[in-house]
Amino acid sequence: MRTVWTAIALAFATSAGAQTTVTIARVPGYLGLVTMDTIGKPVEIAHSYGQTYSAVKAVFQSLRISAEIQDSTGGAFGTLKFMRERTVAGGQISRFIDCGDGITGPNADAYRIHFAIVARMTPMADNRTRVAIALAAGGTNVSGNAWDPVRCPTRGVLEYQIIEKARALLSAAERTSG
């Protein structure tokens, strides 16, 4: 049975009238929908919301991660349907996620991996921004279609890399402007 990849992005208005983007993904290997807004460890970045959003966007582009979600008002940037085989963000996929091991090594390096990866940003007081990178991934065996997809938990490395690259971009911009 062939796994169908679908993704849903819903927008709704909060009681205060501000727009918020809710990102929900269907990832192979997961039994249900993944609400991307509920996963990811938030960190604080000591730069304004606008600067941080631009830096995160630049990092996604530098890592060649497509982004159909680009909501600067709602604070969401990323993709719900990003597929790769073997490598992503300049490294073996198994460096970033764990799909188990097979006879030839990590399954993540042999499977077709379906990623949903979304950065959520929230402005804070004192010109700071809270950022959470949410990643959900699942793998399908490309050697045939008789295999069930598997859930591939994140190792946290890609999320950390995105945050650190954004911080480096912001620091470099600060040094050149000041």
C-alpha atoms as a PDB file:
ATOM      1  CA  MET A   1       0.000   0.000   0.000  1.00  0.00           C
ATOM      2  CA  ARG A   2       1.387   3.328  -1.018  1.00  0.00           C
ATOM      3  CA  THR A   3       1.624   6.000   1.651  1.00  0.00           C
ATOM      4  CA  VAL A   4      -0.068   9.223   0.729  1.00  0.00           C
ATOM      5  CA  TRP A   5       1.628  12.377   1.926  1.00  0.00           C
ATOM      6  CA  THR A   6      -0.712  15.160   2.893  1.00  0.00           C
ATOM      7  CA  ALA A   7      -0.240  18.317   4.816  1.00  0.00           C
ATOM      8  CA  ILE A   8      -2.722  20.811   6.180  1.00  0.00           C
ATOM      9  CA  ALA A   9      -2.051  24.355   7.220  1.00  0.00           C
ATOM     10  CA  LEU A  10      -4.954  26.021   8.972  1.00  0.00           C
ATOM     11  CA  ALA A  11      -5.234  29.659   9.910  1.00  0.00           C
ATOM     12  CA  PHE A  12      -7.614  30.928  12.526  1.00  0.00           C
ATOM     13  CA  ALA A  13      -8.197  34.148  14.399  1.00  0.00           C
ATOM     14  CA  THR A  14      -7.644  34.230  18.141  1.00  0.00           C
ATOM     15  CA  SER A  15     -10.024  36.015  20.456  1.00  0.00           C
ATOM     16  CA  ALA A  16      -7.724  39.058  20.385  1.00  0.00           C
ATOM     17  CA  GLY A  17      -8.093  39.233  16.604  1.00  0.00           C
ATOM     18  CA  ALA A  18      -4.463  38.425  15.770  1.00  0.00           C
ATOM     19  CA  GLN A  19      -3.686  35.863  13.103  1.00  0.00           C
ATOM     20  CA  THR A  20      -1.988  32.645  14.150  1.00  0.00           C
ATOM     21  CA  THR A  21      -0.954  29.858  11.814  1.00  0.00           C
ATOM     22  CA  VAL A  22      -1.620  26.371  13.126  1.00  0.00           C
ATOM     23  CA  THR A  23       0.519  23.808  11.350  1.00  0.00           C
ATOM     24  CA  ILE A  24      -0.698  20.213  11.183  1.00  0.00           C
ATOM     25  CA  ALA A  25       1.153  17.539   9.237  1.00  0.00           C
ATOM     26  CA  ARG A  26       0.485  13.973   8.176  1.00  0.00           C
ATOM     27  CA  VAL A  27       3.831  12.218   8.290  1.00  0.00           C
ATOM     28  CA  PRO A  28       4.312   8.563   7.274  1.00  0.00           C
ATOM     29  CA  GLY A  29       4.935   6.366  10.311  1.00  0.00           C
ATOM     30  CA  TYR A  30       2.757   8.455  12.645  1.00  0.00           C
ATOM     31  CA  LEU A  31      -0.672   7.036  13.478  1.00  0.00           C
ATOM     32  CA  GLY A  32      -2.390  10.406  13.369  1.00  0.00           C
ATOM     33  CA  LEU A  33      -1.845  14.035  12.554  1.00  0.00           C
ATOM     34  CA  VAL A  34       1.118  15.861  14.058  1.00  0.00           C
ATOM     35  CA  THR A  35       0.383  19.312  15.461  1.00  0.00           C
ATOM     36  CA  MET A  36       3.706  21.015  14.853  1.00  0.00           C
ATOM     37  CA  ASP A  37       2.853  23.859  17.255  1.00  0.00           C
ATOM     38  CA  THR A  38       3.021  21.477  20.223  1.00  0.00           C
ATOM     39  CA  ILE A  39       6.528  20.069  19.653  1.00  0.00           C
ATOM     40  CA  GLY A  40       9.942  21.677  19.690  1.00  0.00           C
ATOM     41  CA  LYS A  41      11.916  23.100  22.591  1.00  0.00           C
ATOM     42  CA  PRO A  42      11.655  26.904  22.774  1.00  0.00           C
ATOM     43  CA  VAL A  43      14.826  28.943  23.120  1.00  0.00           C
ATOM     44  CA  GLU A  44      15.343  32.683  23.449  1.00  0.00           C
ATOM     45  CA  ILE A  45      17.324  34.714  20.954  1.00  0.00           C
ATOM     46  CA  ALA A  46      18.526  38.165  22.016  1.00  0.00           C
ATOM     47  CA  HIS A  47      17.398  39.932  18.838  1.00  0.00           C
ATOM     48  CA  SER A  48      14.197  41.501  17.582  1.00  0.00           C
ATOM     49  CA  TYR A  49      11.415  39.416  16.091  1.00  0.00           C
ATOM     50  CA  GLY A  50      11.942  40.815  12.566  1.00  0.00           C
ATOM     51  CA  GLN A  51      15.694  40.199  12.632  1.00  0.00           C
ATOM     52  CA  THR A  52      15.210  36.674  13.990  1.00  0.00           C
ATOM     53  CA  TYR A  53      12.537  35.793  11.421  1.00  0.00           C
ATOM     54  CA  SER A  54      14.831  36.961   8.602  1.00  0.00           C
ATOM     55  CA  ALA A  55      17.778  34.984  10.011  1.00  0.00           C
ATOM     56  CA  VAL A  56      15.747  31.777  10.363  1.00  0.00           C
ATOM     57  CA  LYS A  57      14.479  32.223   6.806  1.00  0.00           C
ATOM     58  CA  ALA A  58      18.066  32.645   5.563  1.00  0.00           C
ATOM     59  CA  VAL A  59      19.166  29.498   7.420  1.00  0.00           C
ATOM     60  CA  PHE A  60      16.369  27.417   5.868  1.00  0.00           C
ATOM     61  CA  GLN A  61      17.411  28.697   2.443  1.00  0.00           C
ATOM     62  CA  SER A  62      21.107  27.962   3.081  1.00  0.00           C
ATOM     63  CA  LEU A  63      20.222  24.391   4.122  1.00  0.00           C
ATOM     64  CA  ARG A  64      18.026  24.025   1.024  1.00  0.00           C
ATOM     65  CA  ILE A  65      14.923  23.323   3.058  1.00  0.00           C
ATOM     66  CA  SER A  66      11.876  24.455   1.110  1.00  0.00           C
ATOM     67  CA  ALA A  67       9.280  26.542   2.909  1.00  0.00           C
ATOM     68  CA  GLU A  68       5.689  26.756   1.790  1.00  0.00           C
ATOM     69  CA  ILE A  69       4.780  28.266   5.170  1.00  0.00           C
ATOM     70  CA  GLN A  70       6.049  31.840   5.342  1.00  0.00           C
ATOM     71  CA  ASP A  71       3.899  33.685   7.852  1.00  0.00           C
ATOM     72  CA  SER A  72       5.872  36.594   9.282  1.00  0.00           C
ATOM     73  CA  THR A  73       2.788  37.970  11.045  1.00  0.00           C
ATOM     74  CA  GLY A  74       1.875  34.668  12.722  1.00  0.00           C
ATOM     75  CA  GLY A  75       5.480  33.692  13.397  1.00  0.00           C
ATOM     76  CA  ALA A  76       5.669  30.478  11.381  1.00  0.00           C
ATOM     77  CA  PHE A  77       8.225  29.468   8.772  1.00  0.00           C
ATOM     78  CA  GLY A  78       8.867  26.036   7.331  1.00  0.00           C
ATOM     79  CA  THR A  79       7.486  23.083   5.456  1.00  0.00           C
ATOM     80  CA  LEU A  80       5.095  20.215   6.055  1.00  0.00           C
ATOM     81  CA  LYS A  81       6.180  18.221   3.000  1.00  0.00           C
ATOM     82  CA  PHE A  82       9.921  18.016   2.561  1.00  0.00           C
ATOM     83  CA  MET A  83      11.340  14.762   1.167  1.00  0.00           C
ATOM     84  CA  ARG A  84      14.954  13.636   1.005  1.00  0.00           C
ATOM     85  CA  GLU A  85      17.029  10.514   0.536  1.00  0.00           C
ATOM     86  CA  ARG A  86      20.519   9.927   1.969  1.00  0.00           C
ATOM     87  CA  THR A  87      21.510  13.529   2.832  1.00  0.00           C
ATOM     88  CA  VAL A  88      19.978  16.682   4.226  1.00  0.00           C
ATOM     89  CA  ALA A  89      21.488  19.948   5.463  1.00  0.00           C
ATOM     90  CA  GLY A  90      24.971  18.887   4.407  1.00  0.00           C
ATOM     91  CA  GLY A  91      25.061  15.568   6.275  1.00  0.00           C
ATOM     92  CA  GLN A  92      23.830  12.001   6.326  1.00  0.00           C
ATOM     93  CA  ILE A  93      20.156  11.896   7.316  1.00  0.00           C
ATOM     94  CA  SER A  94      20.949   9.440  10.139  1.00  0.00           C
ATOM     95  CA  ARG A  95      22.849  12.266  11.855  1.00  0.00           C
ATOM     96  CA  PHE A  96      19.538  14.094  12.348  1.00  0.00           C
ATOM     97  CA  ILE A  97      16.899  11.367  12.816  1.00  0.00           C
ATOM     98  CA  ASP A  98      16.698   7.723  13.904  1.00  0.00           C
ATOM     99  CA  CYS A  99      14.679   5.286  11.768  1.00  0.00           C
ATOM    100  CA  GLY A 100      16.264   2.201  13.289  1.00  0.00           C
ATOM    101  CA  ASP A 101      19.006   0.063  11.811  1.00  0.00           C
ATOM    102  CA  GLY A 102      19.035  -2.465   9.023  1.00  0.00           C
ATOM    103  CA  ILE A 103      21.522  -4.977   7.750  1.00  0.00           C
ATOM    104  CA  THR A 104      23.423  -2.247   5.838  1.00  0.00           C
ATOM    105  CA  GLY A 105      23.389   0.369   8.599  1.00  0.00           C
ATOM    106  CA  PRO A 106      21.025   3.190   9.620  1.00  0.00           C
ATOM    107  CA  ASN A 107      17.651   2.980   7.851  1.00  0.00           C
ATOM    108  CA  ALA A 108      17.490   6.783   7.645  1.00  0.00           C
ATOM    109  CA  ASP A 109      20.306   6.707   5.092  1.00  0.00           C
ATOM    110  CA  ALA A 110      18.511   4.146   2.902  1.00  0.00           C
ATOM    111  CA  TYR A 111      14.852   5.221   3.207  1.00  0.00           C
ATOM    112  CA  ARG A 112      12.937   8.066   1.578  1.00  0.00           C
ATOM    113  CA  ILE A 113      12.405  10.458   4.459  1.00  0.00           C
ATOM    114  CA  HIS A 114       9.352  12.698   4.746  1.00  0.00           C
ATOM    115  CA  PHE A 115      10.036  15.731   6.926  1.00  0.00           C
ATOM    116  CA  ALA A 116       7.785  18.342   8.459  1.00  0.00           C
ATOM    117  CA  ILE A 117       9.924  21.108   9.941  1.00  0.00           C
ATOM    118  CA  VAL A 118       8.524  24.392  11.194  1.00  0.00           C
ATOM    119  CA  ALA A 119      10.084  27.285  13.098  1.00  0.00           C
ATOM    120  CA  ARG A 120       7.673  29.059  15.459  1.00  0.00           C
ATOM    121  CA  MET A 121       8.700  32.553  16.566  1.00  0.00           C
ATOM    122  CA  THR A 122       7.145  34.761  19.226  1.00  0.00           C
ATOM    123  CA  PRO A 123       8.240  38.318  20.062  1.00  0.00           C
ATOM    124  CA  MET A 124       9.122  38.929  23.700  1.00  0.00           C
ATOM    125  CA  ALA A 125       9.892  41.942  25.841  1.00  0.00           C
ATOM    126  CA  ASP A 126      13.317  43.596  25.712  1.00  0.00           C
ATOM    127  CA  ASN A 127      13.764  43.034  21.965  1.00  0.00           C
ATOM    128  CA  ARG A 128      14.038  39.251  22.337  1.00  0.00           C
ATOM    129  CA  THR A 129      12.393  36.425  20.397  1.00  0.00           C
ATOM    130  CA  ARG A 130      11.314  32.947  21.483  1.00  0.00           C
ATOM    131  CA  VAL A 131      12.012  30.342  18.778  1.00  0.00           C
ATOM    132  CA  ALA A 132      10.966  26.692  18.682  1.00  0.00           C
ATOM    133  CA  ILE A 133      11.965  24.416  15.818  1.00  0.00           C
ATOM    134  CA  ALA A 134       9.562  21.483  15.428  1.00  0.00           C
ATOM    135  CA  LEU A 135      10.614  18.453  13.407  1.00  0.00           C
ATOM    136  CA  ALA A 136       8.627  15.308  12.640  1.00  0.00           C
ATOM    137  CA  ALA A 137       9.915  12.686  10.219  1.00  0.00           C
ATOM    138  CA  GLY A 138       8.918   9.330   8.851  1.00  0.00           C
ATOM    139  CA  GLY A 139      10.636   6.946   6.473  1.00  0.00           C
ATOM    140  CA  THR A 140       9.516   4.625   3.702  1.00  0.00           C
ATOM    141  CA  ASN A 141      11.614   1.788   2.385  1.00  0.00           C
ATOM    142  CA  VAL A 142      12.381   2.468  -1.283  1.00  0.00           C
ATOM    143  CA  SER A 143      13.321  -1.135  -2.041  1.00  0.00           C
ATOM    144  CA  GLY A 144       9.644  -2.034  -2.421  1.00  0.00           C
ATOM    145  CA  ASN A 145       6.176  -0.983  -1.403  1.00  0.00           C
ATOM    146  CA  ALA A 146       5.351  -3.926   0.874  1.00  0.00           C
ATOM    147  CA  TRP A 147       6.919  -2.186   3.872  1.00  0.00           C
ATOM    148  CA  ASP A 148       5.037  -0.103   6.398  1.00  0.00           C
ATOM    149  CA  PRO A 149       6.398   3.407   6.933  1.00  0.00           C
ATOM    150  CA  VAL A 150       8.320   4.002  10.156  1.00  0.00           C
ATOM    151  CA  ARG A 151       8.356   6.910  12.549  1.00  0.00           C
ATOM    152  CA  CYS A 152      11.795   8.515  12.752  1.00  0.00           C
ATOM    153  CA  PRO A 153      12.339  10.480  15.972  1.00  0.00           C
ATOM    154  CA  THR A 154      14.586  13.506  15.816  1.00  0.00           C
ATOM    155  CA  ARG A 155      17.990  13.534  17.478  1.00  0.00           C
ATOM    156  CA  GLY A 156      17.670  17.326  17.963  1.00  0.00           C
ATOM    157  CA  VAL A 157      20.757  18.034  15.856  1.00  0.00           C
ATOM    158  CA  LEU A 158      19.038  19.761  12.914  1.00  0.00           C
ATOM    159  CA  GLU A 159      16.957  21.942  15.198  1.00  0.00           C
ATOM    160  CA  TYR A 160      20.078  22.936  17.156  1.00  0.00           C
ATOM    161  CA  GLN A 161      21.943  23.621  13.908  1.00  0.00           C
ATOM    162  CA  ILE A 162      19.174  25.936  12.663  1.00  0.00           C
ATOM    163  CA  ILE A 163      19.128  27.908  15.933  1.00  0.00           C
ATOM    164  CA  GLU A 164      22.922  28.226  16.087  1.00  0.00           C
ATOM    165  CA  LYS A 165      23.215  29.271  12.438  1.00  0.00           C
ATOM    166  CA  ALA A 166      20.511  31.911  13.004  1.00  0.00           C
ATOM    167  CA  ARG A 167      22.378  33.201  16.080  1.00  0.00           C
ATOM    168  CA  ALA A 168      25.622  33.345  14.077  1.00  0.00           C
ATOM    169  CA  LEU A 169      23.940  35.317  11.265  1.00  0.00           C
ATOM    170  CA  LEU A 170      22.463  37.751  13.780  1.00  0.00           C
ATOM    171  CA  SER A 171      25.802  38.217  15.557  1.00  0.00           C
ATOM    172  CA  ALA A 172      27.605  38.815  12.270  1.00  0.00           C
ATOM    173  CA  ALA A 173      24.997  41.381  11.229  1.00  0.00           C
ATOM    174  CA  GLU A 174      25.321  43.098  14.601  1.00  0.00           C
ATOM    175  CA  ARG A 175      29.123  43.314  14.292  1.00  0.00           C
ATOM    176  CA  THR A 176      28.985  44.798  10.786  1.00  0.00           C
ATOM    177  CA  SER A 177      26.332  47.372  11.697  1.00  0.00           C
ATOM    178  CA  GLY A 178      27.727  48.451  15.037  1.00  0.00           C
END
